[in-house]
Structure formats: structure tokens, C-alpha cells
PDB file of N, CA and C in Angstrom:
ATOM      1  N   MET A   1     101.185  56.441  82.849  1.00  0.00           N
ATOM      2  CA  MET A   1     101.473  56.282  81.414  1.00  0.00           C
ATOM      3  C   MET A   1     102.577  57.647  81.238  1.00  0.00           C
ATOM      4  N   HIS A   2     103.302  57.607  80.124  1.00  0.00           N
ATOM      5  CA  HIS A   2     104.660  58.244  79.841  1.00  0.00           C
ATOM      6  C   HIS A   2     104.305  59.138  78.710  1.00  0.00           C
ATOM      7  N   ASP A   3     104.771  60.217  79.116  1.00  0.00           N
ATOM      8  CA  ASP A   3     104.443  61.663  77.298  1.00  0.00           C
ATOM      9  C   ASP A   3     104.994  60.577  75.728  1.00  0.00           C
ATOM     10  N   THR A   4     106.329  60.234  76.038  1.00  0.00           N
ATOM     11  CA  THR A   4     106.686  59.587  74.266  1.00  0.00           C
ATOM     12  C   THR A   4     106.756  58.070  74.871  1.00  0.00           C
ATOM     13  N   PRO A   5     106.002  58.124  73.853  1.00  0.00           N
ATOM     14  CA  PRO A   5     105.261  55.834  73.313  1.00  0.00           C
ATOM     15  C   PRO A   5     107.253  55.645  72.270  1.00  0.00           C
ATOM     16  N   HIS A   6     107.314  54.102  72.945  1.00  0.00           N
ATOM     17  CA  HIS A   6     108.271  53.567  71.976  1.00  0.00           C
ATOM     18  C   HIS A   6     108.255  52.777  71.860  1.00  0.00           C
ATOM     19  N   VAL A   7     108.537  52.500  69.929  1.00  0.00           N
ATOM     20  CA  VAL A   7     108.282  51.961  69.174  1.00  0.00           C
ATOM     21  C   VAL A   7     109.418  50.897  69.112  1.00  0.00           C
ATOM     22  N   ILE A   8     108.617  49.386  68.872  1.00  0.00           N
ATOM     23  CA  ILE A   8     110.090  47.971  68.973  1.00  0.00           C
ATOM     24  C   ILE A   8     109.195  47.306  67.326  1.00  0.00           C
ATOM     25  N   GLY A   9     110.352  47.747  66.405  1.00  0.00           N
ATOM     26  CA  GLY A   9     110.049  47.498  64.855  1.00  0.00           C
ATOM     27  C   GLY A   9     110.739  45.176  64.941  1.00  0.00           C
ATOM     28  N   ILE A  10     110.032  44.859  64.887  1.00  0.00           N
ATOM     29  CA  ILE A  10     110.411  43.800  64.713  1.00  0.00           C
ATOM     30  C   ILE A  10     110.874  42.896  63.595  1.00  0.00           C
ATOM     31  N   ASN A  11     112.066  42.769  62.170  1.00  0.00           N
ATOM     32  CA  ASN A  11     111.694  41.948  61.767  1.00  0.00           C
ATOM     33  C   ASN A  11     111.548  40.228  61.821  1.00  0.00           C
ATOM     34  N   GLY A  12     111.293  40.019  61.126  1.00  0.00           N
ATOM     35  CA  GLY A  12     110.985  37.763  61.195  1.00  0.00           C
ATOM     36  C   GLY A  12     112.065  36.801  59.779  1.00  0.00           C
ATOM     37  N   SER A  13     113.006  37.899  59.957  1.00  0.00           N
ATOM     38  CA  SER A  13     112.975  37.106  58.101  1.00  0.00           C
ATOM     39  C   SER A  13     115.031  37.417  58.558  1.00  0.00           C
ATOM     40  N   LEU A  14     115.213  36.275  58.434  1.00  0.00           N
ATOM     41  CA  LEU A  14     116.504  35.816  58.760  1.00  0.00           C
ATOM     42  C   LEU A  14     117.577  36.285  57.294  1.00  0.00           C
ATOM     43  N   ARG A  15     117.142  36.322  55.953  1.00  0.00           N
ATOM     44  CA  ARG A  15     117.724  36.921  55.342  1.00  0.00           C
ATOM     45  C   ARG A  15     118.625  37.733  55.072  1.00  0.00           C
ATOM     46  N   ASP A  16     119.267  38.134  54.274  1.00  0.00           N
ATOM     47  CA  ASP A  16     119.780  39.117  54.053  1.00  0.00           C
ATOM     48  C   ASP A  16     119.689  40.823  53.137  1.00  0.00           C
ATOM     49  N   ASP A  17     118.749  39.873  52.372  1.00  0.00           N
ATOM     50  CA  ASP A  17     118.430  40.929  50.943  1.00  0.00           C
ATOM     51  C   ASP A  17     116.552  40.671  51.825  1.00  0.00           C
ATOM     52  N   ILE A  18     116.307  40.696  52.361  1.00  0.00           N
ATOM     53  CA  ILE A  18     114.562  40.972  52.452  1.00  0.00           C
ATOM     54  C   ILE A  18     114.350  41.452  52.850  1.00  0.00           C
ATOM     55  N   GLY A  19     113.584  42.551  51.909  1.00  0.00           N
ATOM     56  CA  GLY A  19     112.806  43.963  52.104  1.00  0.00           C
ATOM     57  C   GLY A  19     111.984  43.932  53.019  1.00  0.00           C
ATOM     58  N   THR A  20     111.217  43.159  53.994  1.00  0.00           N
ATOM     59  CA  THR A  20     111.188  43.590  54.983  1.00  0.00           C
ATOM     60  C   THR A  20     111.935  44.578  56.369  1.00  0.00           C
ATOM     61  N   ARG A  21     112.999  44.077  55.940  1.00  0.00           N
ATOM     62  CA  ARG A  21     113.814  44.862  56.767  1.00  0.00           C
ATOM     63  C   ARG A  21     113.668  45.990  56.831  1.00  0.00           C
ATOM     64  N   VAL A  22     113.985  46.373  55.319  1.00  0.00           N
ATOM     65  CA  VAL A  22     113.771  47.864  55.011  1.00  0.00           C
ATOM     66  C   VAL A  22     112.398  48.414  55.406  1.00  0.00           C
ATOM     67  N   ALA A  23     111.557  47.669  54.889  1.00  0.00           N
ATOM     68  CA  ALA A  23     109.952  48.598  55.644  1.00  0.00           C
ATOM     69  C   ALA A  23     110.097  48.662  56.838  1.00  0.00           C
ATOM     70  N   VAL A  24     110.280  47.738  58.304  1.00  0.00           N
ATOM     71  CA  VAL A  24     110.406  47.668  59.598  1.00  0.00           C
ATOM     72  C   VAL A  24     111.157  49.016  59.779  1.00  0.00           C
ATOM     73  N   GLN A  25     112.703  49.164  59.736  1.00  0.00           N
ATOM     74  CA  GLN A  25     113.326  50.383  59.532  1.00  0.00           C
ATOM     75  C   GLN A  25     112.534  51.338  59.132  1.00  0.00           C
ATOM     76  N   ARG A  26     111.557  52.074  57.942  1.00  0.00           N
ATOM     77  CA  ARG A  26     111.055  52.860  57.396  1.00  0.00           C
ATOM     78  C   ARG A  26     110.309  53.621  58.366  1.00  0.00           C
ATOM     79  N   THR A  27     109.261  51.925  58.963  1.00  0.00           N
ATOM     80  CA  THR A  27     108.585  52.347  59.589  1.00  0.00           C
ATOM     81  C   THR A  27     109.065  53.237  61.426  1.00  0.00           C
ATOM     82  N   LEU A  28     110.091  52.564  61.465  1.00  0.00           N
ATOM     83  CA  LEU A  28     110.469  52.890  63.279  1.00  0.00           C
ATOM     84  C   LEU A  28     111.219  54.515  62.954  1.00  0.00           C
ATOM     85  N   ASP A  29     110.991  54.842  61.522  1.00  0.00           N
ATOM     86  CA  ASP A  29     112.404  55.974  61.110  1.00  0.00           C
ATOM     87  C   ASP A  29     110.867  57.290  61.435  1.00  0.00           C
ATOM     88  N   ALA A  30     109.377  56.524  60.992  1.00  0.00           N
ATOM     89  CA  ALA A  30     108.665  57.349  60.847  1.00  0.00           C
ATOM     90  C   ALA A  30     108.140  57.574  62.392  1.00  0.00           C
ATOM     91  N   ALA A  31     107.919  56.189  62.904  1.00  0.00           N
ATOM     92  CA  ALA A  31     107.174  57.082  64.677  1.00  0.00           C
ATOM     93  C   ALA A  31     108.492  57.730  65.590  1.00  0.00           C
ATOM     94  N   ALA A  32     109.904  58.186  65.323  1.00  0.00           N
ATOM     95  CA  ALA A  32     111.199  58.793  65.791  1.00  0.00           C
ATOM     96  C   ALA A  32     110.827  59.737  65.232  1.00  0.00           C
ATOM     97  N   GLY A  33     109.985  60.057  64.084  1.00  0.00           N
ATOM     98  CA  GLY A  33     110.091  61.394  63.066  1.00  0.00           C
ATOM     99  C   GLY A  33     108.660  62.336  63.646  1.00  0.00           C
ATOM    100  N   ALA A  34     107.773  61.332  64.399  1.00  0.00           N
ATOM    101  CA  ALA A  34     106.453  61.187  65.434  1.00  0.00           C
ATOM    102  C   ALA A  34     107.095  62.432  66.319  1.00  0.00           C
ATOM    103  N   GLY A  35     108.055  61.503  67.334  1.00  0.00           N
ATOM    104  CA  GLY A  35     108.758  62.039  68.652  1.00  0.00           C
ATOM    105  C   GLY A  35     108.891  60.530  69.408  1.00  0.00           C
ATOM    106  N   ALA A  36     108.893  59.527  68.955  1.00  0.00           N
ATOM    107  CA  ALA A  36     108.396  58.617  69.318  1.00  0.00           C
ATOM    108  C   ALA A  36     110.228  57.545  69.818  1.00  0.00           C
ATOM    109  N   THR A  37     110.668  57.223  71.040  1.00  0.00           N
ATOM    110  CA  THR A  37     111.635  56.575  70.870  1.00  0.00           C
ATOM    111  C   THR A  37     111.767  54.974  70.231  1.00  0.00           C
ATOM    112  N   ILE A  38     112.535  54.794  69.580  1.00  0.00           N
ATOM    113  CA  ILE A  38     112.256  53.224  69.183  1.00  0.00           C
ATOM    114  C   ILE A  38     112.959  52.323  69.403  1.00  0.00           C
ATOM    115  N   ALA A  39     113.686  51.060  68.436  1.00  0.00           N
ATOM    116  CA  ALA A  39     114.125  49.623  69.029  1.00  0.00           C
ATOM    117  C   ALA A  39     113.494  49.155  67.801  1.00  0.00           C
ATOM    118  N   HIS A  40     115.051  48.367  67.312  1.00  0.00           N
ATOM    119  CA  HIS A  40     114.988  47.630  65.550  1.00  0.00           C
ATOM    120  C   HIS A  40     114.942  46.589  66.572  1.00  0.00           C
ATOM    121  N   ILE A  41     114.396  45.701  66.663  1.00  0.00           N
ATOM    122  CA  ILE A  41     115.302  44.026  67.213  1.00  0.00           C
ATOM    123  C   ILE A  41     114.954  43.267  66.043  1.00  0.00           C
ATOM    124  N   ASP A  42     116.143  43.284  65.045  1.00  0.00           N
ATOM    125  CA  ASP A  42     116.953  42.544  64.285  1.00  0.00           C
ATOM    126  C   ASP A  42     116.734  41.192  64.968  1.00  0.00           C
ATOM    127  N   LEU A  43     116.324  39.636  64.251  1.00  0.00           N
ATOM    128  CA  LEU A  43     115.960  38.440  63.866  1.00  0.00           C
ATOM    129  C   LEU A  43     117.265  37.395  64.022  1.00  0.00           C
ATOM    130  N   ARG A  44     118.072  38.533  63.148  1.00  0.00           N
ATOM    131  CA  ARG A  44     119.443  37.853  62.713  1.00  0.00           C
ATOM    132  C   ARG A  44     120.371  38.089  63.429  1.00  0.00           C
ATOM    133  N   GLU A  45     120.305  38.667  65.032  1.00  0.00           N
ATOM    134  CA  GLU A  45     121.422  38.903  65.812  1.00  0.00           C
ATOM    135  C   GLU A  45     120.763  38.188  66.890  1.00  0.00           C
ATOM    136  N   TRP A  46     119.577  37.365  67.178  1.00  0.00           N
ATOM    137  CA  TRP A  46     119.392  36.403  67.737  1.00  0.00           C
ATOM    138  C   TRP A  46     119.494  34.703  67.613  1.00  0.00           C
ATOM    139  N   ASP A  47     119.906  33.892  68.825  1.00  0.00           N
ATOM    140  CA  ASP A  47     120.573  32.321  68.522  1.00  0.00           C
ATOM    141  C   ASP A  47     118.453  32.160  68.707  1.00  0.00           C
ATOM    142  N   LEU A  48     117.983  31.906  67.793  1.00  0.00           N
ATOM    143  CA  LEU A  48     117.021  31.228  68.419  1.00  0.00           C
ATOM    144  C   LEU A  48     116.415  30.182  67.210  1.00  0.00           C
ATOM    145  N   SER A  49     115.239  29.131  67.744  1.00  0.00           N
ATOM    146  CA  SER A  49     115.861  28.112  67.531  1.00  0.00           C
ATOM    147  C   SER A  49     114.613  27.285  65.907  1.00  0.00           C
ATOM    148  N   LEU A  50     114.731  26.383  65.294  1.00  0.00           N
ATOM    149  CA  LEU A  50     113.704  26.947  64.453  1.00  0.00           C
ATOM    150  C   LEU A  50     113.028  26.671  64.265  1.00  0.00           C
ATOM    151  N   PHE A  51     111.620  26.386  63.719  1.00  0.00           N
ATOM    152  CA  PHE A  51     110.155  26.728  64.385  1.00  0.00           C
ATOM    153  C   PHE A  51     110.172  24.419  64.044  1.00  0.00           C
ATOM    154  N   ASP A  52     109.322  23.768  64.719  1.00  0.00           N
ATOM    155  CA  ASP A  52     109.448  21.942  65.066  1.00  0.00           C
ATOM    156  C   ASP A  52     108.216  21.954  66.343  1.00  0.00           C
ATOM    157  N   PRO A  53     107.238  21.870  64.625  1.00  0.00           N
ATOM    158  CA  PRO A  53     105.335  21.161  65.961  1.00  0.00           C
ATOM    159  C   PRO A  53     105.884  20.271  66.531  1.00  0.00           C
ATOM    160  N   ASP A  54     106.891  19.675  66.445  1.00  0.00           N
ATOM    161  CA  ASP A  54     106.433  18.673  67.426  1.00  0.00           C
ATOM    162  C   ASP A  54     107.316  18.767  69.119  1.00  0.00           C
ATOM    163  N   THR A  55     107.478  19.948  68.314  1.00  0.00           N
ATOM    164  CA  THR A  55     108.409  20.395  69.794  1.00  0.00           C
ATOM    165  C   THR A  55     107.946  21.801  70.608  1.00  0.00           C
ATOM    166  N   TRP A  56     106.675  22.221  70.118  1.00  0.00           N
ATOM    167  CA  TRP A  56     105.616  22.979  70.495  1.00  0.00           C
ATOM    168  C   TRP A  56     105.233  23.573  72.210  1.00  0.00           C
ATOM    169  N   ALA A  57     105.386  22.105  72.857  1.00  0.00           N
ATOM    170  CA  ALA A  57     105.683  22.191  74.027  1.00  0.00           C
ATOM    171  C   ALA A  57     106.499  23.243  75.469  1.00  0.00           C
ATOM    172  N   ALA A  58     107.910  23.594  73.478  1.00  0.00           N
ATOM    173  CA  ALA A  58     109.123  24.459  74.151  1.00  0.00           C
ATOM    174  C   ALA A  58     108.136  25.230  75.047  1.00  0.00           C
ATOM    175  N   PHE A  59     107.274  25.928  73.911  1.00  0.00           N
ATOM    176  CA  PHE A  59     107.337  27.057  73.820  1.00  0.00           C
ATOM    177  C   PHE A  59     105.762  27.493  75.148  1.00  0.00           C
ATOM    178  N   GLU A  60     105.413  26.235  75.436  1.00  0.00           N
ATOM    179  CA  GLU A  60     104.072  26.718  76.282  1.00  0.00           C
ATOM    180  C   GLU A  60     104.862  27.261  78.029  1.00  0.00           C
ATOM    181  N   ASP A  61     106.789  26.147  78.351  1.00  0.00           N
ATOM    182  CA  ASP A  61     107.335  26.551  79.701  1.00  0.00           C
ATOM    183  C   ASP A  61     108.170  26.807  79.199  1.00  0.00           C
ATOM    184  N   GLY A  62     108.342  28.284  78.438  1.00  0.00           N
ATOM    185  CA  GLY A  62     108.943  29.083  78.170  1.00  0.00           C
ATOM    186  C   GLY A  62     110.903  28.578  78.415  1.00  0.00           C
ATOM    187  N   SER A  63     110.655  27.359  77.723  1.00  0.00           N
ATOM    188  CA  SER A  63     112.583  27.479  77.873  1.00  0.00           C
ATOM    189  C   SER A  63     113.040  26.609  76.406  1.00  0.00           C
ATOM    190  N   ILE A  64     112.455  27.669  75.663  1.00  0.00           N
ATOM    191  CA  ILE A  64     113.526  27.643  74.463  1.00  0.00           C
ATOM    192  C   ILE A  64     113.638  29.415  74.093  1.00  0.00           C
ATOM    193  N   THR A  65     114.393  29.578  73.644  1.00  0.00           N
ATOM    194  CA  THR A  65     114.919  30.898  73.385  1.00  0.00           C
ATOM    195  C   THR A  65     113.927  32.329  73.684  1.00  0.00           C
ATOM    196  N   ASN A  66     113.242  31.831  72.135  1.00  0.00           N
ATOM    197  CA  ASN A  66     112.390  32.788  71.452  1.00  0.00           C
ATOM    198  C   ASN A  66     110.904  33.677  72.627  1.00  0.00           C
ATOM    199  N   ARG A  67     111.217  33.183  73.274  1.00  0.00           N
ATOM    200  CA  ARG A  67     110.697  33.636  74.682  1.00  0.00           C
ATOM    201  C   ARG A  67     111.322  35.081  75.541  1.00  0.00           C
ATOM    202  N   ASP A  68     113.045  35.028  74.770  1.00  0.00           N
ATOM    203  CA  ASP A  68     113.499  36.462  75.288  1.00  0.00           C
ATOM    204  C   ASP A  68     113.299  37.544  74.455  1.00  0.00           C
ATOM    205  N   ILE A  69     112.204  37.791  73.277  1.00  0.00           N
ATOM    206  CA  ILE A  69     112.198  38.317  72.941  1.00  0.00           C
ATOM    207  C   ILE A  69     110.988  39.158  73.199  1.00  0.00           C
ATOM    208  N   ALA A  70     110.010  38.498  73.677  1.00  0.00           N
ATOM    209  CA  ALA A  70     109.062  38.517  74.800  1.00  0.00           C
ATOM    210  C   ALA A  70     109.473  39.217  75.986  1.00  0.00           C
ATOM    211  N   ASP A  71     110.106  38.733  76.808  1.00  0.00           N
ATOM    212  CA  ASP A  71     110.635  39.384  78.137  1.00  0.00           C
ATOM    213  C   ASP A  71     111.390  40.829  77.946  1.00  0.00           C
ATOM    214  N   ARG A  72     111.760  40.289  76.418  1.00  0.00           N
ATOM    215  CA  ARG A  72     112.749  42.063  76.513  1.00  0.00           C
ATOM    216  C   ARG A  72     111.633  43.194  75.945  1.00  0.00           C
ATOM    217  N   ILE A  73     110.892  42.706  75.114  1.00  0.00           N
ATOM    218  CA  ILE A  73     109.807  43.337  74.779  1.00  0.00           C
ATOM    219  C   ILE A  73     109.007  44.446  76.750  1.00  0.00           C
ATOM    220  N   GLU A  74     108.557  43.452  77.291  1.00  0.00           N
ATOM    221  CA  GLU A  74     107.732  43.284  78.546  1.00  0.00           C
ATOM    222  C   GLU A  74     109.174  44.004  79.828  1.00  0.00           C
ATOM    223  N   GLU A  75     110.363  43.722  79.146  1.00  0.00           N
ATOM    224  CA  GLU A  75     111.286  45.206  80.715  1.00  0.00           C
ATOM    225  C   GLU A  75     111.169  46.397  79.436  1.00  0.00           C
ATOM    226  N   LEU A  76     110.175  46.455  78.990  1.00  0.00           N
ATOM    227  CA  LEU A  76     110.266  48.175  78.155  1.00  0.00           C
ATOM    228  C   LEU A  76     108.868  48.436  78.967  1.00  0.00           C
ATOM    229  N   GLY A  77     108.807  48.743  79.607  1.00  0.00           N
ATOM    230  CA  GLY A  77     107.320  48.687  80.082  1.00  0.00           C
ATOM    231  C   GLY A  77     106.288  49.017  79.551  1.00  0.00           C
ATOM    232  N   GLU A  78     105.032  50.206  79.438  1.00  0.00           N
ATOM    233  CA  GLU A  78     103.811  50.057  79.523  1.00  0.00           C
ATOM    234  C   GLU A  78     103.404  50.651  78.284  1.00  0.00           C
ATOM    235  N   ASP A  79     104.414  51.779  77.705  1.00  0.00           N
ATOM    236  CA  ASP A  79     104.049  52.189  76.441  1.00  0.00           C
ATOM    237  C   ASP A  79     104.326  52.319  75.337  1.00  0.00           C
ATOM    238  N   VAL A  80     104.255  50.673  74.869  1.00  0.00           N
ATOM    239  CA  VAL A  80     105.371  50.140  73.517  1.00  0.00           C
ATOM    240  C   VAL A  80     103.970  49.648  72.454  1.00  0.00           C
ATOM    241  N   VAL A  81     104.521  49.598  71.745  1.00  0.00           N
ATOM    242  CA  VAL A  81     103.968  49.732  70.394  1.00  0.00           C
ATOM    243  C   VAL A  81     105.509  48.830  70.217  1.00  0.00           C
ATOM    244  N   ALA A  82     104.370  47.311  69.877  1.00  0.00           N
ATOM    245  CA  ALA A  82     105.648  46.140  68.693  1.00  0.00           C
ATOM    246  C   ALA A  82     104.559  45.935  67.830  1.00  0.00           C
ATOM    247  N   TYR A  83     106.345  46.312  66.242  1.00  0.00           N
ATOM    248  CA  TYR A  83     105.709  45.971  65.378  1.00  0.00           C
ATOM    249  C   TYR A  83     106.709  44.679  64.129  1.00  0.00           C
ATOM    250  N   ALA A  84     105.841  43.986  63.940  1.00  0.00           N
ATOM    251  CA  ALA A  84     106.715  43.072  63.119  1.00  0.00           C
ATOM    252  C   ALA A  84     106.416  43.029  61.382  1.00  0.00           C
ATOM    253  N   GLY A  85     107.504  43.133  60.832  1.00  0.00           N
ATOM    254  CA  GLY A  85     107.409  42.839  60.038  1.00  0.00           C
ATOM    255  C   GLY A  85     107.283  41.330  58.973  1.00  0.00           C
ATOM    256  N   ILE A  86     106.955  40.256  58.588  1.00  0.00           N
ATOM    257  CA  ILE A  86     106.409  39.188  58.180  1.00  0.00           C
ATOM    258  C   ILE A  86     106.755  39.040  57.216  1.00  0.00           C
ATOM    259  N   ALA A  87     107.682  38.100  56.619  1.00  0.00           N
ATOM    260  CA  ALA A  87     108.049  37.688  55.261  1.00  0.00           C
ATOM    261  C   ALA A  87     107.077  36.238  55.017  1.00  0.00           C
ATOM    262  N   ASP A  88     105.485  36.618  54.218  1.00  0.00           N
ATOM    263  CA  ASP A  88     104.639  35.482  53.903  1.00  0.00           C
ATOM    264  C   ASP A  88     105.819  34.632  53.418  1.00  0.00           C
ATOM    265  N   ARG A  89     105.133  33.695  53.097  1.00  0.00           N
ATOM    266  CA  ARG A  89     106.087  32.312  52.166  1.00  0.00           C
ATOM    267  C   ARG A  89     106.523  32.516  50.360  1.00  0.00           C
ATOM    268  N   HIS A  90     105.840  33.293  50.579  1.00  0.00           N
ATOM    269  CA  HIS A  90     105.287  33.884  48.935  1.00  0.00           C
ATOM    270  C   HIS A  90     106.152  35.024  48.818  1.00  0.00           C
ATOM    271  N   GLY A  91     107.257  35.487  49.847  1.00  0.00           N
ATOM    272  CA  GLY A  91     108.122  36.274  49.834  1.00  0.00           C
ATOM    273  C   GLY A  91     107.609  37.409  49.597  1.00  0.00           C
ATOM    274  N   GLU A  92     106.222  38.347  49.456  1.00  0.00           N
ATOM    275  CA  GLU A  92     105.803  39.687  50.463  1.00  0.00           C
ATOM    276  C   GLU A  92     106.290  39.989  51.496  1.00  0.00           C
ATOM    277  N   THR A  93     105.974  40.894  52.232  1.00  0.00           N
ATOM    278  CA  THR A  93     105.227  40.944  53.371  1.00  0.00           C
ATOM    279  C   THR A  93     104.313  42.084  53.486  1.00  0.00           C
ATOM    280  N   GLU A  94     104.404  41.652  54.411  1.00  0.00           N
ATOM    281  CA  GLU A  94     102.784  41.740  55.438  1.00  0.00           C
ATOM    282  C   GLU A  94     103.568  42.057  57.155  1.00  0.00           C
ATOM    283  N   GLN A  95     102.744  43.373  57.374  1.00  0.00           N
ATOM    284  CA  GLN A  95     103.282  44.317  58.170  1.00  0.00           C
ATOM    285  C   GLN A  95     102.359  44.144  59.806  1.00  0.00           C
ATOM    286  N   SER A  96     101.993  44.084  60.672  1.00  0.00           N
ATOM    287  CA  SER A  96     101.216  43.532  61.466  1.00  0.00           C
ATOM    288  C   SER A  96     101.798  44.194  63.334  1.00  0.00           C
ATOM    289  N   GLU A  97     100.528  45.208  63.366  1.00  0.00           N
ATOM    290  CA  GLU A  97     100.142  45.828  65.103  1.00  0.00           C
ATOM    291  C   GLU A  97     100.541  44.542  66.043  1.00  0.00           C
ATOM    292  N   LEU A  98     101.840  44.464  66.003  1.00  0.00           N
ATOM    293  CA  LEU A  98     101.586  43.218  67.669  1.00  0.00           C
ATOM    294  C   LEU A  98     100.927  43.633  68.743  1.00  0.00           C
ATOM    295  N   ALA A  99     100.988  44.635  69.261  1.00  0.00           N
ATOM    296  CA  ALA A  99     100.692  45.292  70.776  1.00  0.00           C
ATOM    297  C   ALA A  99     100.834  46.469  70.943  1.00  0.00           C
ATOM    298  N   THR A 100      99.414  47.268  71.877  1.00  0.00           N
ATOM    299  CA  THR A 100      99.637  48.598  71.787  1.00  0.00           C
ATOM    300  C   THR A 100      99.642  48.519  73.815  1.00  0.00           C
ATOM    301  N   GLY A 101     100.395  48.987  74.129  1.00  0.00           N
ATOM    302  CA  GLY A 101     101.060  49.462  75.602  1.00  0.00           C
ATOM    303  C   GLY A 101      99.524  50.692  75.853  1.00  0.00           C
ATOM    304  N   ASP A 102      99.629  51.016  77.274  1.00  0.00           N
ATOM    305  CA  ASP A 102      98.214  51.164  77.967  1.00  0.00           C
ATOM    306  C   ASP A 102      98.969  52.895  78.053  1.00  0.00           C
TER     307      ASP A 102
END
């Protein structure tokens, strides 16, 4: 186990004017202030496929690019907290802790 946790913030919106990105960055800033190392994964910078329920099987065999995000988190090691800001369909923001390493 490492002494310094690594916190990854992921914002799920592709829109430029969304408050979710600000909320994720503020969370990361607070984590950095508490001594964590941080990374912000901005999904606008990734070439992701749109969700299509008819092609859900592609998620299971890992053949679509969305798997790259999980791989990037896994490469960072054990002491990782992944924090996602996900805008709901009504435009409000929900923050959710996805995973904590041991």
C-alpha cells in the first residue's frame, strides 16, 4: 500500500458548458489539498462510441474504446479512488465514488 492515494476524476458529459466538469475539478482540488495526487479524465478528449443498446455485447468482449478508460485506471495501481461526475437527463449533477483501492 502506498502512502499517497491517487484520485481520478472523470466527467461524463461531452458538453462544454456543463457544471459537472467544475464539480469534478473542485473535488480533485480538495483531494490535492489533502495530499493526494490527482488526474482528471475529461471524456471530451476521448474518441468514445455512443451508447447503442443493440451493440451492448461489444462492452463484454472489450472491443470498443470505452474499455480504455478502465484500463487507464487499472494501470495506476492499488491506491486509486475513481470519482465520476455524471449529469443526469434533467441536467442536474450527481457525483458518485466509483471505486477505492486497498
